[in-house]
């Protein structure tokens, strides 16, 4: 955007205020477009990008005949830092903390960077599960949780006396 003087004989600060107001208007318009998702990529691409932007981690949930399998990608996380909990028969909570420290030393400077963060995600399950018989594995940053479906005895015969 080219900026031209609007007031040839007027004070410079009036023009500067107008210029700043134009910039603020353009910035607010851009934010409004982002809020309505017009400026974001197609819907399938947004589904892949937005969890990372929001600070979430990817989770896949699969339902089989007798179990529900939840797989979560947790790169850079150690097994000891992950906690799992079945909050209710249809809800699983996955939480972890991640910390790292990096040091560089060279002639004339010294750098130490520390990062720390925690994430927590509640996953809705497609069927009721039981806490008994649950198993979890963690390998190469991928967490896999196997939950046995709760037995729901429907259609149970009622004896007549």
Protein backbone atom coordinates (compact mmCIF):
# COMPACT_ATOMS: atom_id res chain seq x y z
CA UNK A 1 0.00 0.00 0.00
CA UNK A 2 1.49 3.31 -1.07
CA UNK A 3 1.24 6.17 1.33
CA UNK A 4 0.67 9.64 -0.05
CA UNK A 5 0.40 12.90 1.76
CA UNK A 6 -3.26 13.90 1.93
CA UNK A 7 -2.78 17.33 3.36
CA UNK A 8 -0.03 19.21 1.52
CA UNK A 9 -0.01 22.11 3.93
CA UNK A 10 -1.43 20.35 7.01
CA UNK A 11 0.53 19.00 9.96
CA UNK A 12 2.40 15.75 9.44
CA UNK A 13 0.89 14.16 12.58
CA UNK A 14 -2.64 14.33 11.17
CA UNK A 15 -1.49 12.28 8.20
CA UNK A 16 0.38 9.87 10.46
CA UNK A 17 -2.76 9.35 12.59
CA UNK A 18 -4.78 8.63 9.44
CA UNK A 19 -2.13 6.19 8.26
CA UNK A 20 -2.14 4.35 11.59
CA UNK A 21 -5.94 4.19 11.56
CA UNK A 22 -5.86 2.65 8.07
CA UNK A 23 -3.34 0.05 9.21
CA UNK A 24 -5.43 -0.81 12.27
CA UNK A 25 -8.55 -1.18 10.12
CA UNK A 26 -6.73 -3.55 7.73
CA UNK A 27 -5.37 -5.59 10.65
CA UNK A 28 -8.83 -5.90 12.24
CA UNK A 29 -10.30 -6.94 8.88
CA UNK A 30 -7.64 -9.65 8.59
CA UNK A 31 -8.39 -10.94 12.10
CA UNK A 32 -12.10 -11.00 11.33
CA UNK A 33 -11.43 -13.10 8.22
CA UNK A 34 -9.37 -15.54 10.27
CA UNK A 35 -12.12 -15.76 12.88
CA UNK A 36 -14.65 -16.71 10.20
CA UNK A 37 -12.14 -19.18 8.65
CA UNK A 38 -12.24 -17.48 5.24
CA UNK A 39 -8.48 -17.07 5.14
CA UNK A 40 -7.70 -20.61 6.27
CA UNK A 41 -7.09 -23.51 3.86
CA UNK A 42 -9.76 -25.99 2.83
CA UNK A 43 -11.73 -27.79 5.53
CA UNK A 44 -9.79 -31.07 5.38
CA UNK A 45 -6.47 -29.20 5.65
CA UNK A 46 -7.79 -27.13 8.58
CA UNK A 47 -8.73 -30.33 10.38
CA UNK A 48 -5.09 -31.38 10.22
CA UNK A 49 -3.55 -27.99 11.04
CA UNK A 50 -5.78 -26.53 13.75
CA UNK A 51 -5.05 -29.04 16.53
CA UNK A 52 -1.37 -28.11 16.38
CA UNK A 53 -2.17 -24.41 16.28
CA UNK A 54 -4.49 -24.71 19.29
CA UNK A 55 -1.94 -26.78 21.18
CA UNK A 56 -3.78 -30.07 20.97
CA UNK A 57 -2.41 -33.44 19.98
CA UNK A 58 -3.82 -35.85 17.42
CA UNK A 59 -5.97 -38.71 18.66
CA UNK A 60 -7.49 -41.60 16.69
CA UNK A 61 -10.35 -43.62 18.19
CA UNK A 62 -11.32 -47.03 16.76
CA UNK A 63 -14.19 -49.21 17.90
CA UNK A 64 -14.03 -52.97 17.51
CA UNK A 65 -16.42 -55.72 18.61
CA UNK A 66 -15.08 -56.09 22.15
CA UNK A 67 -12.77 -53.10 22.66
CA UNK A 68 -12.08 -49.45 21.92
CA UNK A 69 -8.57 -48.45 20.83
CA UNK A 70 -7.29 -44.89 21.31
CA UNK A 71 -4.01 -43.89 19.64
CA UNK A 72 -2.37 -40.53 20.38
CA UNK A 73 0.70 -38.93 18.81
CA UNK A 74 2.91 -37.49 21.58
CA UNK A 75 6.26 -36.62 19.99
CA UNK A 76 9.04 -35.64 22.37
CA UNK A 77 7.21 -37.00 25.43
CA UNK A 78 8.57 -39.63 27.79
CA UNK A 79 6.43 -42.54 28.97
CA UNK A 80 6.85 -41.50 32.62
CA UNK A 81 5.31 -38.07 31.92
CA UNK A 82 1.98 -39.42 30.59
CA UNK A 83 -1.07 -40.03 32.79
CA UNK A 84 -4.27 -41.78 31.76
CA UNK A 85 -7.61 -41.87 33.54
CA UNK A 86 -11.07 -43.18 32.70
CA UNK A 87 -13.28 -40.35 33.95
CA UNK A 88 -16.56 -42.12 33.21
CA UNK A 89 -17.56 -45.08 31.01
CA UNK A 90 -17.42 -42.94 27.86
CA UNK A 91 -14.56 -40.55 28.62
CA UNK A 92 -10.77 -41.01 28.67
CA UNK A 93 -8.37 -38.30 29.87
CA UNK A 94 -4.83 -38.13 28.47
CA UNK A 95 -2.41 -35.67 30.08
CA UNK A 96 1.33 -35.14 29.91
CA UNK A 97 4.10 -32.69 30.67
CA UNK A 98 7.03 -32.04 28.40
CA UNK A 99 10.25 -30.27 29.30
CA UNK A 100 13.55 -29.81 27.54
CA UNK A 101 16.74 -27.88 28.13
CA UNK A 102 19.27 -26.93 25.48
CA UNK A 103 22.66 -25.35 26.12
CA UNK A 104 25.08 -23.86 23.62
CA UNK A 105 28.43 -22.40 24.42
CA UNK A 106 30.77 -20.85 21.94
CA UNK A 107 33.46 -18.23 22.02
CA UNK A 108 31.90 -14.99 23.20
CA UNK A 109 28.40 -16.24 24.05
CA UNK A 110 26.45 -18.72 26.13
CA UNK A 111 22.83 -19.73 25.45
CA UNK A 112 20.54 -21.81 27.63
CA UNK A 113 16.97 -22.43 26.46
CA UNK A 114 14.35 -24.16 28.56
CA UNK A 115 10.90 -25.20 27.40
CA UNK A 116 8.13 -26.55 29.56
CA UNK A 117 4.55 -27.33 28.77
CA UNK A 118 1.67 -29.55 29.68
CA UNK A 119 -1.27 -30.76 27.65
CA UNK A 120 -4.50 -32.33 28.67
CA UNK A 121 -7.16 -33.82 26.42
CA UNK A 122 -10.47 -35.46 27.19
CA UNK A 123 -11.50 -38.00 24.57
CA UNK A 124 -15.13 -39.03 24.11
CA UNK A 125 -15.42 -42.74 23.46
CA UNK A 126 -17.97 -44.34 21.11
CA UNK A 127 -19.04 -46.98 23.63
CA UNK A 128 -19.05 -47.58 27.38
CA UNK A 129 -15.76 -49.06 28.57
CA UNK A 130 -14.66 -50.78 31.76
CA UNK A 131 -11.53 -49.82 33.68
CA UNK A 132 -10.79 -53.51 34.26
CA UNK A 133 -8.57 -55.00 31.59
CA UNK A 134 -7.38 -51.68 30.19
CA UNK A 135 -3.86 -51.73 28.73
CA UNK A 136 -1.61 -49.02 27.35
CA UNK A 137 1.62 -49.08 25.36
CA UNK A 138 3.98 -46.23 24.48
CA UNK A 139 6.49 -46.62 21.67
CA UNK A 140 8.30 -44.00 19.55
CA UNK A 141 6.03 -41.18 20.71
CA UNK A 142 2.78 -43.04 19.99
CA UNK A 143 0.48 -43.93 22.86
CA UNK A 144 -1.99 -46.76 22.31
CA UNK A 145 -4.71 -47.45 24.88
CA UNK A 146 -6.90 -50.56 24.64
CA UNK A 147 -10.10 -50.42 26.66
CA UNK A 148 -12.48 -53.35 26.99
CA UNK A 149 -16.09 -52.54 26.31
CA UNK A 150 -18.38 -52.72 29.31
CA UNK A 151 -20.76 -55.61 29.16
CA UNK A 152 -24.26 -54.33 28.74
CA UNK A 153 -26.61 -57.20 29.13
CA UNK A 154 -29.71 -56.20 27.26
CA UNK A 155 -32.47 -58.57 26.39
CA UNK A 156 -31.74 -60.65 29.49
CA UNK A 157 -34.42 -63.25 30.05
CA UNK A 158 -36.60 -62.74 33.07
CA UNK A 159 -37.74 -65.94 34.76
CA UNK A 160 -41.44 -66.22 35.50
CA UNK A 161 -42.39 -67.65 38.88
